[in-house]
């Protein structure tokens, strides 16, 4: 499975599937997406952890849609 599969699962409303997929991917982009998933879940401390793993600054109260758009735009 790929990060695109995880994003597609989330786009289809399946947070659990997106989370299961991203857990098996060891890239900075996957860590970023993992952080976004935990932002959606409302688990801020876990989201911050994954943002640190991704080497990204935690965006705080940024609109989730903006963060998702930035992640999608970064993909090849």
Protein backbone atom coordinates (compact mmCIF):
# COMPACT_ATOMS: atom_id res chain seq x y z
CA UNK A 1 0.00 0.00 0.00
CA UNK A 2 1.09 3.56 -0.67
CA UNK A 3 0.54 6.99 0.77
CA UNK A 4 -1.86 7.62 -2.13
CA UNK A 5 -3.92 4.61 -0.98
CA UNK A 6 -4.05 6.07 2.53
CA UNK A 7 -5.14 9.46 1.20
CA UNK A 8 -7.79 7.82 -0.96
CA UNK A 9 -9.13 5.93 2.07
CA UNK A 10 -9.39 9.19 4.00
CA UNK A 11 -11.03 10.93 1.04
CA UNK A 12 -13.62 8.14 1.11
CA UNK A 13 -14.24 8.78 4.79
CA UNK A 14 -12.40 5.73 6.12
CA UNK A 15 -10.08 7.16 8.81
CA UNK A 16 -9.32 3.71 10.24
CA UNK A 17 -8.21 2.29 6.89
CA UNK A 18 -6.09 5.38 6.18
CA UNK A 19 -4.46 5.00 9.59
CA UNK A 20 -3.77 1.26 9.09
CA UNK A 21 -2.15 1.95 5.72
CA UNK A 22 0.01 4.85 6.83
CA UNK A 23 1.28 2.93 9.87
CA UNK A 24 3.10 0.59 7.49
CA UNK A 25 4.90 3.33 5.55
CA UNK A 26 8.24 4.67 6.78
CA UNK A 27 8.69 8.01 4.99
CA UNK A 28 8.62 11.63 6.04
CA UNK A 29 5.49 12.18 3.97
CA UNK A 30 3.77 9.26 5.68
CA UNK A 31 4.73 10.67 9.09
CA UNK A 32 3.27 14.03 8.01
CA UNK A 33 0.04 12.36 6.89
CA UNK A 34 -0.02 10.33 10.11
CA UNK A 35 0.15 13.62 12.01
CA UNK A 36 -2.72 15.02 9.96
CA UNK A 37 -4.79 11.93 10.76
CA UNK A 38 -4.25 12.50 14.47
CA UNK A 39 -5.20 16.16 14.06
CA UNK A 40 -8.47 14.95 12.52
CA UNK A 41 -8.89 12.53 15.42
CA UNK A 42 -8.35 15.38 17.89
CA UNK A 43 -5.24 13.80 19.45
CA UNK A 44 -2.97 16.84 19.45
CA UNK A 45 -0.05 15.33 21.36
CA UNK A 46 0.10 12.34 19.01
CA UNK A 47 -0.18 14.66 16.00
CA UNK A 48 2.73 16.72 17.33
CA UNK A 49 4.80 13.55 17.71
CA UNK A 50 4.23 12.58 14.07
CA UNK A 51 5.00 16.10 12.86
CA UNK A 52 8.32 15.91 14.71
CA UNK A 53 9.01 12.53 13.05
CA UNK A 54 8.24 14.16 9.70
CA UNK A 55 10.67 17.01 10.44
CA UNK A 56 7.85 19.52 10.10
CA UNK A 57 6.62 22.28 12.35
CA UNK A 58 3.27 21.48 13.92
CA UNK A 59 0.73 23.85 12.35
CA UNK A 60 -1.41 24.26 15.44
CA UNK A 61 -4.93 25.31 14.64
CA UNK A 62 -4.44 25.54 10.90
CA UNK A 63 -7.39 24.42 8.81
CA UNK A 64 -7.04 20.69 8.22
CA UNK A 65 -8.14 21.04 4.61
CA UNK A 66 -5.26 23.44 3.94
CA UNK A 67 -2.79 20.99 5.47
CA UNK A 68 -4.19 18.10 3.44
CA UNK A 69 -3.98 20.19 0.26
CA UNK A 70 -0.34 21.03 1.01
CA UNK A 71 0.47 17.36 1.53
CA UNK A 72 -1.29 16.31 -1.68
CA UNK A 73 0.49 19.08 -3.62
CA UNK A 74 3.85 17.77 -2.38
CA UNK A 75 3.30 14.33 -3.91
CA UNK A 76 4.78 13.44 -7.27
